[in-house]
């Protein structure tokens, strides 16, 4: 398949991949990959970070459409937005292990 992306589309794609370039965001995404749906408190506890710090990262991930959320009463539950994001993470992890381990 041939892709002919415009300059605007290339810039958007670069911005998409930049979101994956932050270790904290990758930790959050990896946690959601492994655990599925989870609330901010559970993510914060698992990653030994403050809820505020996790919320800030989740905001970026939401804006980039990498995660989705639903409300469960007063709780907000997050998950990976779709199978594409799961596959990108899995391929990245697989590639890392092939190169470095």
C-alpha atoms as a PDB file:
ATOM      1  CA  UNK A   1       0.000   0.000   0.000  1.00  0.00           C
ATOM      2  CA  UNK A   2       1.363   3.391  -0.971  1.00  0.00           C
ATOM      3  CA  UNK A   3       0.864   6.422   1.254  1.00  0.00           C
ATOM      4  CA  UNK A   4       1.170   9.942  -0.081  1.00  0.00           C
ATOM      5  CA  UNK A   5       0.758  12.185   2.924  1.00  0.00           C
ATOM      6  CA  UNK A   6       0.503  15.950   2.699  1.00  0.00           C
ATOM      7  CA  UNK A   7       2.759  18.147   4.809  1.00  0.00           C
ATOM      8  CA  UNK A   8      -0.142  18.786   7.188  1.00  0.00           C
ATOM      9  CA  UNK A   9      -0.831  15.055   7.516  1.00  0.00           C
ATOM     10  CA  UNK A  10       2.866  14.369   8.159  1.00  0.00           C
ATOM     11  CA  UNK A  11       2.914  17.040  10.864  1.00  0.00           C
ATOM     12  CA  UNK A  12      -0.187  15.503  12.470  1.00  0.00           C
ATOM     13  CA  UNK A  13       1.404  12.049  12.355  1.00  0.00           C
ATOM     14  CA  UNK A  14       4.604  13.416  13.923  1.00  0.00           C
ATOM     15  CA  UNK A  15       2.528  14.959  16.728  1.00  0.00           C
ATOM     16  CA  UNK A  16       0.791  11.608  17.222  1.00  0.00           C
ATOM     17  CA  UNK A  17       4.120   9.830  17.688  1.00  0.00           C
ATOM     18  CA  UNK A  18       5.491  12.574  19.957  1.00  0.00           C
ATOM     19  CA  UNK A  19       2.899  11.612  22.553  1.00  0.00           C
ATOM     20  CA  UNK A  20       4.542   8.177  22.764  1.00  0.00           C
ATOM     21  CA  UNK A  21       7.907   9.852  23.438  1.00  0.00           C
ATOM     22  CA  UNK A  22       7.237  10.599  27.096  1.00  0.00           C
ATOM     23  CA  UNK A  23       8.197   7.820  29.558  1.00  0.00           C
ATOM     24  CA  UNK A  24       5.408   8.681  32.001  1.00  0.00           C
ATOM     25  CA  UNK A  25       2.766   8.542  29.301  1.00  0.00           C
ATOM     26  CA  UNK A  26       4.214   5.239  28.111  1.00  0.00           C
ATOM     27  CA  UNK A  27       3.977   3.910  31.665  1.00  0.00           C
ATOM     28  CA  UNK A  28       0.298   4.881  31.789  1.00  0.00           C
ATOM     29  CA  UNK A  29      -0.382   3.370  28.365  1.00  0.00           C
ATOM     30  CA  UNK A  30       1.491   0.180  29.283  1.00  0.00           C
ATOM     31  CA  UNK A  31      -0.505  -0.109  32.489  1.00  0.00           C
ATOM     32  CA  UNK A  32      -3.773   0.242  30.568  1.00  0.00           C
ATOM     33  CA  UNK A  33      -2.516  -2.274  28.007  1.00  0.00           C
ATOM     34  CA  UNK A  34      -1.867  -4.814  30.769  1.00  0.00           C
ATOM     35  CA  UNK A  35      -4.772  -4.057  33.104  1.00  0.00           C
ATOM     36  CA  UNK A  36      -7.509  -2.839  30.792  1.00  0.00           C
ATOM     37  CA  UNK A  37      -9.863  -0.249  32.249  1.00  0.00           C
ATOM     38  CA  UNK A  38      -8.731   1.602  35.327  1.00  0.00           C
ATOM     39  CA  UNK A  39      -9.367   4.719  37.352  1.00  0.00           C
ATOM     40  CA  UNK A  40      -6.884   7.491  38.081  1.00  0.00           C
ATOM     41  CA  UNK A  41      -6.334   6.368  41.681  1.00  0.00           C
ATOM     42  CA  UNK A  42      -5.500   2.808  40.712  1.00  0.00           C
ATOM     43  CA  UNK A  43      -3.117   3.976  37.973  1.00  0.00           C
ATOM     44  CA  UNK A  44      -1.452   6.413  40.379  1.00  0.00           C
ATOM     45  CA  UNK A  45      -1.022   3.728  43.041  1.00  0.00           C
ATOM     46  CA  UNK A  46       0.366   1.199  40.572  1.00  0.00           C
ATOM     47  CA  UNK A  47       2.861   3.686  39.138  1.00  0.00           C
ATOM     48  CA  UNK A  48       3.719   5.271  42.522  1.00  0.00           C
ATOM     49  CA  UNK A  49       2.736   8.704  41.297  1.00  0.00           C
ATOM     50  CA  UNK A  50       0.311  11.372  42.445  1.00  0.00           C
ATOM     51  CA  UNK A  51      -3.222  11.413  41.086  1.00  0.00           C
ATOM     52  CA  UNK A  52      -2.590  14.939  39.867  1.00  0.00           C
ATOM     53  CA  UNK A  53       0.428  13.854  37.802  1.00  0.00           C
ATOM     54  CA  UNK A  54      -1.515  10.941  36.322  1.00  0.00           C
ATOM     55  CA  UNK A  55      -4.485  13.194  35.545  1.00  0.00           C
ATOM     56  CA  UNK A  56      -2.198  15.592  33.661  1.00  0.00           C
ATOM     57  CA  UNK A  57      -0.829  12.768  31.542  1.00  0.00           C
ATOM     58  CA  UNK A  58      -4.277  11.317  30.926  1.00  0.00           C
ATOM     59  CA  UNK A  59      -5.412  14.735  29.700  1.00  0.00           C
ATOM     60  CA  UNK A  60      -2.684  14.705  27.048  1.00  0.00           C
ATOM     61  CA  UNK A  61      -3.536  11.116  26.131  1.00  0.00           C
ATOM     62  CA  UNK A  62      -7.241  12.012  25.841  1.00  0.00           C
ATOM     63  CA  UNK A  63      -6.516  15.048  23.686  1.00  0.00           C
ATOM     64  CA  UNK A  64      -4.386  12.854  21.433  1.00  0.00           C
ATOM     65  CA  UNK A  65      -7.193  10.277  21.323  1.00  0.00           C
ATOM     66  CA  UNK A  66      -4.997   7.498  22.689  1.00  0.00           C
ATOM     67  CA  UNK A  67      -7.293   6.836  25.635  1.00  0.00           C
ATOM     68  CA  UNK A  68     -11.035   7.055  26.195  1.00  0.00           C
ATOM     69  CA  UNK A  69     -12.953   7.360  29.386  1.00  0.00           C
ATOM     70  CA  UNK A  70     -16.339   6.630  30.829  1.00  0.00           C
ATOM     71  CA  UNK A  71     -17.932   7.757  34.035  1.00  0.00           C
ATOM     72  CA  UNK A  72     -18.934   5.250  36.664  1.00  0.00           C
ATOM     73  CA  UNK A  73     -20.758   7.342  39.226  1.00  0.00           C
ATOM     74  CA  UNK A  74     -18.163   9.788  40.524  1.00  0.00           C
ATOM     75  CA  UNK A  75     -15.280   7.762  39.117  1.00  0.00           C
ATOM     76  CA  UNK A  76     -13.720   8.222  35.698  1.00  0.00           C
ATOM     77  CA  UNK A  77     -12.510   4.982  34.142  1.00  0.00           C
ATOM     78  CA  UNK A  78      -9.867   5.063  31.395  1.00  0.00           C
ATOM     79  CA  UNK A  79      -8.949   2.557  28.697  1.00  0.00           C
ATOM     80  CA  UNK A  80      -6.957   2.496  25.471  1.00  0.00           C
ATOM     81  CA  UNK A  81      -9.006   4.139  22.773  1.00  0.00           C
ATOM     82  CA  UNK A  82      -8.962   1.243  20.314  1.00  0.00           C
ATOM     83  CA  UNK A  83      -7.182  -1.790  18.954  1.00  0.00           C
ATOM     84  CA  UNK A  84      -4.814   0.340  16.860  1.00  0.00           C
ATOM     85  CA  UNK A  85      -3.285   1.862  19.990  1.00  0.00           C
ATOM     86  CA  UNK A  86      -2.972  -1.566  21.589  1.00  0.00           C
ATOM     87  CA  UNK A  87      -1.206  -2.899  18.497  1.00  0.00           C
ATOM     88  CA  UNK A  88       1.144   0.104  18.266  1.00  0.00           C
ATOM     89  CA  UNK A  89       2.172  -0.434  21.897  1.00  0.00           C
ATOM     90  CA  UNK A  90       2.571  -4.189  21.468  1.00  0.00           C
ATOM     91  CA  UNK A  91       4.658  -3.750  18.312  1.00  0.00           C
ATOM     92  CA  UNK A  92       6.823  -1.131  19.992  1.00  0.00           C
ATOM     93  CA  UNK A  93       7.450  -3.399  22.972  1.00  0.00           C
ATOM     94  CA  UNK A  94       8.144  -6.395  20.716  1.00  0.00           C
ATOM     95  CA  UNK A  95      10.575  -4.348  18.620  1.00  0.00           C
ATOM     96  CA  UNK A  96      12.343  -3.083  21.751  1.00  0.00           C
ATOM     97  CA  UNK A  97      12.878  -6.643  23.001  1.00  0.00           C
ATOM     98  CA  UNK A  98      14.221  -7.741  19.622  1.00  0.00           C
ATOM     99  CA  UNK A  99      16.709  -4.869  19.529  1.00  0.00           C
ATOM    100  CA  UNK A 100      17.851  -4.617  23.124  1.00  0.00           C
ATOM    101  CA  UNK A 101      17.249  -7.896  24.952  1.00  0.00           C
END
